[in-house]
């Protein structure tokens, strides 16, 4: 009975390594979807960790990554207020939001 269990564990471990189950350091897995005023997708981003300019005309963001995202009221590199959007959640983008940062 032990041999099938050990074989299954070995297969799962090998599959995880081959299929890239461990993301590279500093990389968020997944994507962000930005929606415009009409509810249509205006931008899809596959960002690694870092800070980026907010896509124009975006009114809502859906975080489909494995990392939190901060919606920032200041440009990248400047401390400012932010709203955090957790993985698998979404948030309205306020007019004063000018950048977003993927936290890893």
PDB file of N, CA and C in Angstrom:
ATOM      1  N   UNK A   1       0.806  -1.197   0.000  1.00  0.00           N
ATOM      2  CA  UNK A   1       0.000   0.000   0.000  1.00  0.00           C
ATOM      3  C   UNK A   1       0.850   1.262   0.000  1.00  0.00           C
ATOM      4  N   UNK A   2       2.027   1.205   0.527  1.00  0.00           N
ATOM      5  CA  UNK A   2       2.860   2.403   0.601  1.00  0.00           C
ATOM      6  C   UNK A   2       3.429   2.794  -0.758  1.00  0.00           C
ATOM      7  N   UNK A   3       3.708   1.839  -1.597  1.00  0.00           N
ATOM      8  CA  UNK A   3       4.353   2.144  -2.876  1.00  0.00           C
ATOM      9  C   UNK A   3       3.488   3.071  -3.739  1.00  0.00           C
ATOM     10  N   UNK A   4       2.167   2.877  -3.931  1.00  0.00           N
ATOM     11  CA  UNK A   4       1.375   3.810  -4.740  1.00  0.00           C
ATOM     12  C   UNK A   4       1.361   5.221  -4.146  1.00  0.00           C
ATOM     13  N   UNK A   5       1.323   5.333  -2.826  1.00  0.00           N
ATOM     14  CA  UNK A   5       1.317   6.642  -2.196  1.00  0.00           C
ATOM     15  C   UNK A   5       2.633   7.365  -2.442  1.00  0.00           C
ATOM     16  N   UNK A   6       3.752   6.667  -2.317  1.00  0.00           N
ATOM     17  CA  UNK A   6       5.065   7.267  -2.558  1.00  0.00           C
ATOM     18  C   UNK A   6       5.197   7.666  -4.028  1.00  0.00           C
ATOM     19  N   UNK A   7       4.707   6.823  -4.934  1.00  0.00           N
ATOM     20  CA  UNK A   7       4.772   7.135  -6.361  1.00  0.00           C
ATOM     21  C   UNK A   7       3.935   8.365  -6.678  1.00  0.00           C
ATOM     22  N   UNK A   8       2.762   8.475  -6.077  1.00  0.00           N
ATOM     23  CA  UNK A   8       1.902   9.642  -6.300  1.00  0.00           C
ATOM     24  C   UNK A   8       2.568  10.910  -5.788  1.00  0.00           C
ATOM     25  N   UNK A   9       3.188  10.838  -4.626  1.00  0.00           N
ATOM     26  CA  UNK A   9       3.868  12.009  -4.062  1.00  0.00           C
ATOM     27  C   UNK A   9       5.032  12.432  -4.952  1.00  0.00           C
ATOM     28  N   UNK A  10       5.774  11.470  -5.475  1.00  0.00           N
ATOM     29  CA  UNK A  10       6.887  11.782  -6.371  1.00  0.00           C
ATOM     30  C   UNK A  10       6.380  12.432  -7.650  1.00  0.00           C
ATOM     31  N   UNK A  11       5.276  11.921  -8.211  1.00  0.00           N
ATOM     32  CA  UNK A  11       4.700  12.479  -9.433  1.00  0.00           C
ATOM     33  C   UNK A  11       4.232  13.915  -9.216  1.00  0.00           C
ATOM     34  N   UNK A  12       3.550  14.177  -8.114  1.00  0.00           N
ATOM     35  CA  UNK A  12       3.052  15.525  -7.816  1.00  0.00           C
ATOM     36  C   UNK A  12       4.213  16.496  -7.648  1.00  0.00           C
ATOM     37  N   UNK A  13       5.239  16.087  -6.927  1.00  0.00           N
ATOM     38  CA  UNK A  13       6.412  16.946  -6.734  1.00  0.00           C
ATOM     39  C   UNK A  13       7.095  17.242  -8.059  1.00  0.00           C
ATOM     40  N   UNK A  14       7.308  16.227  -8.884  1.00  0.00           N
ATOM     41  CA  UNK A  14       7.957  16.418 -10.177  1.00  0.00           C
ATOM     42  C   UNK A  14       7.105  17.294 -11.090  1.00  0.00           C
ATOM     43  N   UNK A  15       5.789  17.091 -11.093  1.00  0.00           N
ATOM     44  CA  UNK A  15       4.896  17.893 -11.930  1.00  0.00           C
ATOM     45  C   UNK A  15       4.932  19.355 -11.522  1.00  0.00           C
ATOM     46  N   UNK A  16       4.957  19.613 -10.243  1.00  0.00           N
ATOM     47  CA  UNK A  16       5.005  20.987  -9.752  1.00  0.00           C
ATOM     48  C   UNK A  16       6.270  21.677 -10.223  1.00  0.00           C
ATOM     49  N   UNK A  17       7.401  21.015 -10.150  1.00  0.00           N
ATOM     50  CA  UNK A  17       8.665  21.607 -10.572  1.00  0.00           C
ATOM     51  C   UNK A  17       8.714  21.813 -12.082  1.00  0.00           C
ATOM     52  N   UNK A  18       8.242  20.833 -12.844  1.00  0.00           N
ATOM     53  CA  UNK A  18       8.281  20.935 -14.301  1.00  0.00           C
ATOM     54  C   UNK A  18       7.315  21.989 -14.806  1.00  0.00           C
ATOM     55  N   UNK A  19       6.138  22.076 -14.218  1.00  0.00           N
ATOM     56  CA  UNK A  19       5.120  23.013 -14.686  1.00  0.00           C
ATOM     57  C   UNK A  19       5.294  24.408 -14.114  1.00  0.00           C
ATOM     58  N   UNK A  20       6.332  24.639 -13.356  1.00  0.00           N
ATOM     59  CA  UNK A  20       6.588  25.980 -12.856  1.00  0.00           C
ATOM     60  C   UNK A  20       5.739  26.341 -11.656  1.00  0.00           C
ATOM     61  N   UNK A  21       5.543  25.432 -10.744  1.00  0.00           N
ATOM     62  CA  UNK A  21       4.729  25.692  -9.573  1.00  0.00           C
ATOM     63  C   UNK A  21       5.338  26.713  -8.633  1.00  0.00           C
ATOM     64  N   UNK A  22       6.606  27.004  -8.771  1.00  0.00           N
ATOM     65  CA  UNK A  22       7.256  27.989  -7.909  1.00  0.00           C
ATOM     66  C   UNK A  22       7.587  29.214  -8.756  1.00  0.00           C
ATOM     67  N   UNK A  23       6.895  30.363  -8.519  1.00  0.00           N
ATOM     68  CA  UNK A  23       7.153  31.540  -9.330  1.00  0.00           C
ATOM     69  C   UNK A  23       8.527  32.131  -9.053  1.00  0.00           C
ATOM     70  N   UNK A  24       9.062  32.840 -10.039  1.00  0.00           N
ATOM     71  CA  UNK A  24      10.340  33.516  -9.873  1.00  0.00           C
ATOM     72  C   UNK A  24      10.225  34.598  -8.822  1.00  0.00           C
ATOM     73  N   UNK A  25      11.305  34.870  -8.118  1.00  0.00           N
ATOM     74  CA  UNK A  25      11.294  35.912  -7.098  1.00  0.00           C
ATOM     75  C   UNK A  25      10.951  37.243  -7.744  1.00  0.00           C
ATOM     76  N   UNK A  26      10.060  37.996  -7.105  1.00  0.00           N
ATOM     77  CA  UNK A  26       9.685  39.309  -7.607  1.00  0.00           C
ATOM     78  C   UNK A  26       8.636  39.272  -8.697  1.00  0.00           C
ATOM     79  N   UNK A  27       8.042  38.113  -8.970  1.00  0.00           N
ATOM     80  CA  UNK A  27       7.040  38.021 -10.020  1.00  0.00           C
ATOM     81  C   UNK A  27       5.676  37.715  -9.425  1.00  0.00           C
ATOM     82  N   UNK A  28       4.708  38.518  -9.790  1.00  0.00           N
ATOM     83  CA  UNK A  28       3.334  38.213  -9.420  1.00  0.00           C
ATOM     84  C   UNK A  28       2.795  37.246 -10.465  1.00  0.00           C
ATOM     85  N   UNK A  29       2.029  36.282 -10.028  1.00  0.00           N
ATOM     86  CA  UNK A  29       1.439  35.319 -10.941  1.00  0.00           C
ATOM     87  C   UNK A  29      -0.003  35.746 -11.192  1.00  0.00           C
ATOM     88  N   UNK A  30      -0.387  35.842 -12.443  1.00  0.00           N
ATOM     89  CA  UNK A  30      -1.739  36.243 -12.805  1.00  0.00           C
ATOM     90  C   UNK A  30      -1.744  37.560 -13.548  1.00  0.00           C
ATOM     91  N   UNK A  31      -2.878  38.268 -13.495  1.00  0.00           N
ATOM     92  CA  UNK A  31      -2.982  39.527 -14.222  1.00  0.00           C
ATOM     93  C   UNK A  31      -3.981  40.462 -13.556  1.00  0.00           C
ATOM     94  N   UNK A  32      -3.943  41.705 -13.972  1.00  0.00           N
ATOM     95  CA  UNK A  32      -4.888  42.723 -13.523  1.00  0.00           C
ATOM     96  C   UNK A  32      -5.759  43.096 -14.717  1.00  0.00           C
ATOM     97  N   UNK A  33      -7.054  43.286 -14.473  1.00  0.00           N
ATOM     98  CA  UNK A  33      -7.956  43.724 -15.536  1.00  0.00           C
ATOM     99  C   UNK A  33      -8.484  45.096 -15.145  1.00  0.00           C
ATOM    100  N   UNK A  34      -8.268  46.066 -16.015  1.00  0.00           N
ATOM    101  CA  UNK A  34      -8.750  47.424 -15.802  1.00  0.00           C
ATOM    102  C   UNK A  34      -9.966  47.642 -16.691  1.00  0.00           C
ATOM    103  N   UNK A  35     -11.050  48.166 -16.110  1.00  0.00           N
ATOM    104  CA  UNK A  35     -12.274  48.425 -16.857  1.00  0.00           C
ATOM    105  C   UNK A  35     -12.490  49.917 -16.999  1.00  0.00           C
ATOM    106  N   UNK A  36     -13.075  50.319 -18.125  1.00  0.00           N
ATOM    107  CA  UNK A  36     -13.407  51.716 -18.365  1.00  0.00           C
ATOM    108  C   UNK A  36     -14.834  52.012 -17.922  1.00  0.00           C
ATOM    109  N   UNK A  37     -15.282  53.223 -18.179  1.00  0.00           N
ATOM    110  CA  UNK A  37     -16.612  53.661 -17.765  1.00  0.00           C
ATOM    111  C   UNK A  37     -17.744  52.845 -18.344  1.00  0.00           C
ATOM    112  N   UNK A  38     -17.552  52.264 -19.516  1.00  0.00           N
ATOM    113  CA  UNK A  38     -18.610  51.473 -20.147  1.00  0.00           C
ATOM    114  C   UNK A  38     -18.601  50.024 -19.681  1.00  0.00           C
ATOM    115  N   UNK A  39     -17.679  49.680 -18.783  1.00  0.00           N
ATOM    116  CA  UNK A  39     -17.586  48.318 -18.275  1.00  0.00           C
ATOM    117  C   UNK A  39     -16.793  47.390 -19.167  1.00  0.00           C
ATOM    118  N   UNK A  40     -16.212  47.923 -20.229  1.00  0.00           N
ATOM    119  CA  UNK A  40     -15.402  47.093 -21.112  1.00  0.00           C
ATOM    120  C   UNK A  40     -13.944  47.123 -20.657  1.00  0.00           C
ATOM    121  N   UNK A  41     -13.226  46.067 -20.958  1.00  0.00           N
ATOM    122  CA  UNK A  41     -11.812  45.984 -20.572  1.00  0.00           C
ATOM    123  C   UNK A  41     -11.014  47.009 -21.361  1.00  0.00           C
ATOM    124  N   UNK A  42     -10.297  47.864 -20.642  1.00  0.00           N
ATOM    125  CA  UNK A  42      -9.463  48.856 -21.308  1.00  0.00           C
ATOM    126  C   UNK A  42      -8.000  48.457 -21.305  1.00  0.00           C
ATOM    127  N   UNK A  43      -7.630  47.566 -20.387  1.00  0.00           N
ATOM    128  CA  UNK A  43      -6.210  47.205 -20.259  1.00  0.00           C
ATOM    129  C   UNK A  43      -6.098  45.931 -19.430  1.00  0.00           C
ATOM    130  N   UNK A  44      -5.249  45.026 -19.865  1.00  0.00           N
ATOM    131  CA  UNK A  44      -4.919  43.835 -19.084  1.00  0.00           C
ATOM    132  C   UNK A  44      -3.413  43.872 -18.873  1.00  0.00           C
ATOM    133  N   UNK A  45      -2.991  43.756 -17.622  1.00  0.00           N
ATOM    134  CA  UNK A  45      -1.562  43.829 -17.293  1.00  0.00           C
ATOM    135  C   UNK A  45      -1.109  42.531 -16.641  1.00  0.00           C
ATOM    136  N   UNK A  46       0.058  42.081 -17.023  1.00  0.00           N
ATOM    137  CA  UNK A  46       0.712  40.915 -16.421  1.00  0.00           C
ATOM    138  C   UNK A  46       1.973  41.422 -15.729  1.00  0.00           C
ATOM    139  N   UNK A  47       1.795  42.200 -14.656  1.00  0.00           N
ATOM    140  CA  UNK A  47       2.944  42.902 -14.081  1.00  0.00           C
ATOM    141  C   UNK A  47       3.765  42.077 -13.107  1.00  0.00           C
ATOM    142  N   UNK A  48       5.080  42.201 -13.185  1.00  0.00           N
ATOM    143  CA  UNK A  48       5.899  41.708 -12.078  1.00  0.00           C
ATOM    144  C   UNK A  48       5.775  42.715 -10.936  1.00  0.00           C
ATOM    145  N   UNK A  49       6.392  42.444  -9.821  1.00  0.00           N
ATOM    146  CA  UNK A  49       6.351  43.388  -8.708  1.00  0.00           C
ATOM    147  C   UNK A  49       6.926  44.715  -9.166  1.00  0.00           C
ATOM    148  N   UNK A  50       6.321  45.802  -8.730  1.00  0.00           N
ATOM    149  CA  UNK A  50       6.801  47.127  -9.101  1.00  0.00           C
ATOM    150  C   UNK A  50       5.669  48.121  -9.169  1.00  0.00           C
ATOM    151  N   UNK A  51       5.984  49.342  -9.573  1.00  0.00           N
ATOM    152  CA  UNK A  51       5.027  50.424  -9.637  1.00  0.00           C
ATOM    153  C   UNK A  51       4.838  50.854 -11.094  1.00  0.00           C
ATOM    154  N   UNK A  52       3.589  51.139 -11.461  1.00  0.00           N
ATOM    155  CA  UNK A  52       3.244  51.444 -12.840  1.00  0.00           C
ATOM    156  C   UNK A  52       2.251  52.597 -12.901  1.00  0.00           C
ATOM    157  N   UNK A  53       2.255  53.317 -14.026  1.00  0.00           N
ATOM    158  CA  UNK A  53       1.289  54.389 -14.259  1.00  0.00           C
ATOM    159  C   UNK A  53      -0.086  53.769 -14.492  1.00  0.00           C
ATOM    160  N   UNK A  54      -1.127  54.410 -13.946  1.00  0.00           N
ATOM    161  CA  UNK A  54      -2.491  53.913 -14.096  1.00  0.00           C
ATOM    162  C   UNK A  54      -2.923  54.044 -15.558  1.00  0.00           C
ATOM    163  N   UNK A  55      -3.513  52.991 -16.141  1.00  0.00           N
ATOM    164  CA  UNK A  55      -4.002  53.094 -17.516  1.00  0.00           C
ATOM    165  C   UNK A  55      -5.089  54.179 -17.623  1.00  0.00           C
ATOM    166  N   UNK A  56      -5.066  54.908 -18.707  1.00  0.00           N
ATOM    167  CA  UNK A  56      -6.024  56.000 -18.910  1.00  0.00           C
ATOM    168  C   UNK A  56      -7.460  55.472 -18.950  1.00  0.00           C
ATOM    169  N   UNK A  57      -8.390  56.267 -18.458  1.00  0.00           N
ATOM    170  CA  UNK A  57      -9.833  55.995 -18.511  1.00  0.00           C
ATOM    171  C   UNK A  57     -10.265  54.770 -17.699  1.00  0.00           C
ATOM    172  N   UNK A  58      -9.444  54.296 -16.780  1.00  0.00           N
ATOM    173  CA  UNK A  58      -9.819  53.139 -15.963  1.00  0.00           C
ATOM    174  C   UNK A  58     -10.684  53.589 -14.788  1.00  0.00           C
ATOM    175  N   UNK A  59     -11.772  52.854 -14.556  1.00  0.00           N
ATOM    176  CA  UNK A  59     -12.665  53.172 -13.443  1.00  0.00           C
ATOM    177  C   UNK A  59     -12.776  52.034 -12.433  1.00  0.00           C
ATOM    178  N   UNK A  60     -12.286  50.840 -12.796  1.00  0.00           N
ATOM    179  CA  UNK A  60     -12.377  49.671 -11.912  1.00  0.00           C
ATOM    180  C   UNK A  60     -11.218  48.747 -12.231  1.00  0.00           C
ATOM    181  N   UNK A  61     -10.668  48.100 -11.200  1.00  0.00           N
ATOM    182  CA  UNK A  61      -9.608  47.121 -11.402  1.00  0.00           C
ATOM    183  C   UNK A  61      -9.995  45.820 -10.705  1.00  0.00           C
ATOM    184  N   UNK A  62      -9.702  44.713 -11.351  1.00  0.00           N
ATOM    185  CA  UNK A  62      -9.897  43.380 -10.776  1.00  0.00           C
ATOM    186  C   UNK A  62      -8.517  42.758 -10.643  1.00  0.00           C
ATOM    187  N   UNK A  63      -8.147  42.382  -9.411  1.00  0.00           N
ATOM    188  CA  UNK A  63      -6.835  41.804  -9.123  1.00  0.00           C
ATOM    189  C   UNK A  63      -6.915  40.289  -9.231  1.00  0.00           C
ATOM    190  N   UNK A  64      -6.415  39.755 -10.322  1.00  0.00           N
ATOM    191  CA  UNK A  64      -6.392  38.308 -10.533  1.00  0.00           C
ATOM    192  C   UNK A  64      -4.965  37.775 -10.413  1.00  0.00           C
ATOM    193  N   UNK A  65      -4.171  38.412  -9.535  1.00  0.00           N
ATOM    194  CA  UNK A  65      -2.822  37.945  -9.250  1.00  0.00           C
ATOM    195  C   UNK A  65      -2.807  37.258  -7.890  1.00  0.00           C
ATOM    196  N   UNK A  66      -1.639  36.788  -7.488  1.00  0.00           N
ATOM    197  CA  UNK A  66      -1.473  36.189  -6.167  1.00  0.00           C
ATOM    198  C   UNK A  66      -0.873  37.186  -5.171  1.00  0.00           C
ATOM    199  N   UNK A  67      -0.849  38.475  -5.536  1.00  0.00           N
ATOM    200  CA  UNK A  67      -0.217  39.499  -4.707  1.00  0.00           C
ATOM    201  C   UNK A  67      -1.161  40.682  -4.499  1.00  0.00           C
ATOM    202  N   UNK A  68      -1.042  41.372  -3.359  1.00  0.00           N
ATOM    203  CA  UNK A  68      -1.824  42.592  -3.174  1.00  0.00           C
ATOM    204  C   UNK A  68      -1.369  43.676  -4.143  1.00  0.00           C
ATOM    205  N   UNK A  69      -2.286  44.570  -4.472  1.00  0.00           N
ATOM    206  CA  UNK A  69      -2.000  45.702  -5.348  1.00  0.00           C
ATOM    207  C   UNK A  69      -2.427  46.971  -4.616  1.00  0.00           C
ATOM    208  N   UNK A  70      -1.577  47.996  -4.659  1.00  0.00           N
ATOM    209  CA  UNK A  70      -1.905  49.286  -4.056  1.00  0.00           C
ATOM    210  C   UNK A  70      -2.286  50.267  -5.160  1.00  0.00           C
ATOM    211  N   UNK A  71      -3.461  50.910  -5.008  1.00  0.00           N
ATOM    212  CA  UNK A  71      -3.863  51.988  -5.905  1.00  0.00           C
ATOM    213  C   UNK A  71      -3.392  53.268  -5.241  1.00  0.00           C
ATOM    214  N   UNK A  72      -2.537  54.032  -5.929  1.00  0.00           N
ATOM    215  CA  UNK A  72      -1.827  55.147  -5.302  1.00  0.00           C
ATOM    216  C   UNK A  72      -2.293  56.499  -5.834  1.00  0.00           C
ATOM    217  N   UNK A  73      -2.303  57.487  -4.940  1.00  0.00           N
ATOM    218  CA  UNK A  73      -2.693  58.848  -5.318  1.00  0.00           C
ATOM    219  C   UNK A  73      -1.497  59.693  -5.737  1.00  0.00           C
ATOM    220  N   UNK A  74      -0.311  59.107  -5.720  1.00  0.00           N
ATOM    221  CA  UNK A  74       0.919  59.813  -6.112  1.00  0.00           C
ATOM    222  C   UNK A  74       1.634  59.001  -7.184  1.00  0.00           C
ATOM    223  N   UNK A  75       2.487  59.668  -7.980  1.00  0.00           N
ATOM    224  CA  UNK A  75       3.266  58.921  -8.979  1.00  0.00           C
ATOM    225  C   UNK A  75       4.198  57.909  -8.313  1.00  0.00           C
ATOM    226  N   UNK A  76       4.667  56.973  -9.093  1.00  0.00           N
ATOM    227  CA  UNK A  76       5.615  55.976  -8.597  1.00  0.00           C
ATOM    228  C   UNK A  76       6.825  56.672  -7.978  1.00  0.00           C
ATOM    229  N   UNK A  77       7.315  56.149  -6.869  1.00  0.00           N
ATOM    230  CA  UNK A  77       8.483  56.702  -6.205  1.00  0.00           C
ATOM    231  C   UNK A  77       8.168  57.783  -5.187  1.00  0.00           C
ATOM    232  N   UNK A  78       6.905  58.193  -5.098  1.00  0.00           N
ATOM    233  CA  UNK A  78       6.507  59.230  -4.140  1.00  0.00           C
ATOM    234  C   UNK A  78       5.553  58.591  -3.135  1.00  0.00           C
ATOM    235  N   UNK A  79       5.831  58.785  -1.838  1.00  0.00           N
ATOM    236  CA  UNK A  79       4.924  58.256  -0.818  1.00  0.00           C
ATOM    237  C   UNK A  79       3.582  58.962  -0.926  1.00  0.00           C
ATOM    238  N   UNK A  80       2.514  58.222  -0.742  1.00  0.00           N
ATOM    239  CA  UNK A  80       1.185  58.817  -0.802  1.00  0.00           C
ATOM    240  C   UNK A  80       0.151  57.844  -0.305  1.00  0.00           C
ATOM    241  N   UNK A  81      -1.069  58.334  -0.235  1.00  0.00           N
ATOM    242  CA  UNK A  81      -2.167  57.493   0.220  1.00  0.00           C
ATOM    243  C   UNK A  81      -2.420  56.394  -0.809  1.00  0.00           C
ATOM    244  N   UNK A  82      -2.917  55.284  -0.341  1.00  0.00           N
ATOM    245  CA  UNK A  82      -3.226  54.202  -1.254  1.00  0.00           C
ATOM    246  C   UNK A  82      -4.371  53.363  -0.713  1.00  0.00           C
ATOM    247  N   UNK A  83      -4.992  52.635  -1.612  1.00  0.00           N
ATOM    248  CA  UNK A  83      -5.998  51.640  -1.263  1.00  0.00           C
ATOM    249  C   UNK A  83      -5.446  50.299  -1.692  1.00  0.00           C
ATOM    250  N   UNK A  84      -5.536  49.307  -0.837  1.00  0.00           N
ATOM    251  CA  UNK A  84      -5.003  47.987  -1.165  1.00  0.00           C
ATOM    252  C   UNK A  84      -6.124  47.106  -1.708  1.00  0.00           C
ATOM    253  N   UNK A  85      -5.826  46.435  -2.820  1.00  0.00           N
ATOM    254  CA  UNK A  85      -6.752  45.483  -3.430  1.00  0.00           C
ATOM    255  C   UNK A  85      -6.117  44.105  -3.289  1.00  0.00           C
ATOM    256  N   UNK A  86      -6.756  43.245  -2.532  1.00  0.00           N
ATOM    257  CA  UNK A  86      -6.221  41.907  -2.275  1.00  0.00           C
ATOM    258  C   UNK A  86      -6.439  40.994  -3.475  1.00  0.00           C
ATOM    259  N   UNK A  87      -5.689  39.885  -3.546  1.00  0.00           N
ATOM    260  CA  UNK A  87      -5.883  38.936  -4.637  1.00  0.00           C
ATOM    261  C   UNK A  87      -7.337  38.478  -4.735  1.00  0.00           C
ATOM    262  N   UNK A  88      -7.827  38.321  -5.949  1.00  0.00           N
ATOM    263  CA  UNK A  88      -9.191  37.877  -6.265  1.00  0.00           C
ATOM    264  C   UNK A  88     -10.259  38.902  -5.908  1.00  0.00           C
ATOM    265  N   UNK A  89      -9.872  40.137  -5.625  1.00  0.00           N
ATOM    266  CA  UNK A  89     -10.839  41.180  -5.323  1.00  0.00           C
ATOM    267  C   UNK A  89     -10.753  42.287  -6.370  1.00  0.00           C
ATOM    268  N   UNK A  90     -11.686  43.201  -6.296  1.00  0.00           N
ATOM    269  CA  UNK A  90     -11.709  44.328  -7.213  1.00  0.00           C
ATOM    270  C   UNK A  90     -11.993  45.603  -6.443  1.00  0.00           C
ATOM    271  N   UNK A  91     -11.788  46.743  -7.100  1.00  0.00           N
ATOM    272  CA  UNK A  91     -12.030  48.030  -6.451  1.00  0.00           C
ATOM    273  C   UNK A  91     -12.285  49.098  -7.504  1.00  0.00           C
ATOM    274  N   UNK A  92     -13.119  50.061  -7.135  1.00  0.00           N
ATOM    275  CA  UNK A  92     -13.318  51.234  -7.985  1.00  0.00           C
ATOM    276  C   UNK A  92     -12.047  52.074  -7.946  1.00  0.00           C
ATOM    277  N   UNK A  93     -11.715  52.669  -9.062  1.00  0.00           N
ATOM    278  CA  UNK A  93     -10.535  53.521  -9.145  1.00  0.00           C
ATOM    279  C   UNK A  93     -10.993  54.965  -9.009  1.00  0.00           C
ATOM    280  N   UNK A  94     -10.559  55.615  -7.945  1.00  0.00           N
ATOM    281  CA  UNK A  94     -10.925  57.013  -7.702  1.00  0.00           C
ATOM    282  C   UNK A  94     -10.221  57.913  -8.716  1.00  0.00           C
ATOM    283  N   UNK A  95     -10.826  59.068  -9.035  1.00  0.00           N
ATOM    284  CA  UNK A  95     -10.220  59.968 -10.034  1.00  0.00           C
ATOM    285  C   UNK A  95      -8.804  60.418  -9.680  1.00  0.00           C
ATOM    286  N   UNK A  96      -8.467  60.509  -8.387  1.00  0.00           N
ATOM    287  CA  UNK A  96      -7.131  60.970  -7.992  1.00  0.00           C
ATOM    288  C   UNK A  96      -6.072  59.869  -8.055  1.00  0.00           C
ATOM    289  N   UNK A  97      -6.433  58.656  -8.426  1.00  0.00           N
ATOM    290  CA  UNK A  97      -5.484  57.549  -8.513  1.00  0.00           C
ATOM    291  C   UNK A  97      -4.627  57.709  -9.776  1.00  0.00           C
ATOM    292  N   UNK A  98      -3.303  57.750  -9.592  1.00  0.00           N
ATOM    293  CA  UNK A  98      -2.408  57.973 -10.737  1.00  0.00           C
ATOM    294  C   UNK A  98      -1.450  56.816 -11.013  1.00  0.00           C
ATOM    295  N   UNK A  99      -1.313  55.887 -10.052  1.00  0.00           N
ATOM    296  CA  UNK A  99      -0.395  54.768 -10.254  1.00  0.00           C
ATOM    297  C   UNK A  99      -0.875  53.568  -9.445  1.00  0.00           C
ATOM    298  N   UNK A 100      -0.310  52.411  -9.761  1.00  0.00           N
ATOM    299  CA  UNK A 100      -0.596  51.212  -8.972  1.00  0.00           C
ATOM    300  C   UNK A 100       0.697  50.467  -8.760  1.00  0.00           C
ATOM    301  N   UNK A 101       0.766  49.779  -7.618  1.00  0.00           N
ATOM    302  CA  UNK A 101       1.976  49.047  -7.261  1.00  0.00           C
ATOM    303  C   UNK A 101       1.616  47.624  -6.895  1.00  0.00           C
ATOM    304  N   UNK A 102       2.309  46.672  -7.514  1.00  0.00           N
ATOM    305  CA  UNK A 102       2.136  45.254  -7.210  1.00  0.00           C
ATOM    306  C   UNK A 102       3.137  44.916  -6.122  1.00  0.00           C
ATOM    307  N   UNK A 103       2.641  44.411  -5.001  1.00  0.00           N
ATOM    308  CA  UNK A 103       3.474  44.092  -3.838  1.00  0.00           C
ATOM    309  C   UNK A 103       3.841  42.617  -3.897  1.00  0.00           C
ATOM    310  N   UNK A 104       5.101  42.303  -3.697  1.00  0.00           N
ATOM    311  CA  UNK A 104       5.516  40.903  -3.671  1.00  0.00           C
ATOM    312  C   UNK A 104       6.311  40.631  -2.452  1.00  0.00           C
TER     313      UNK A 104
END
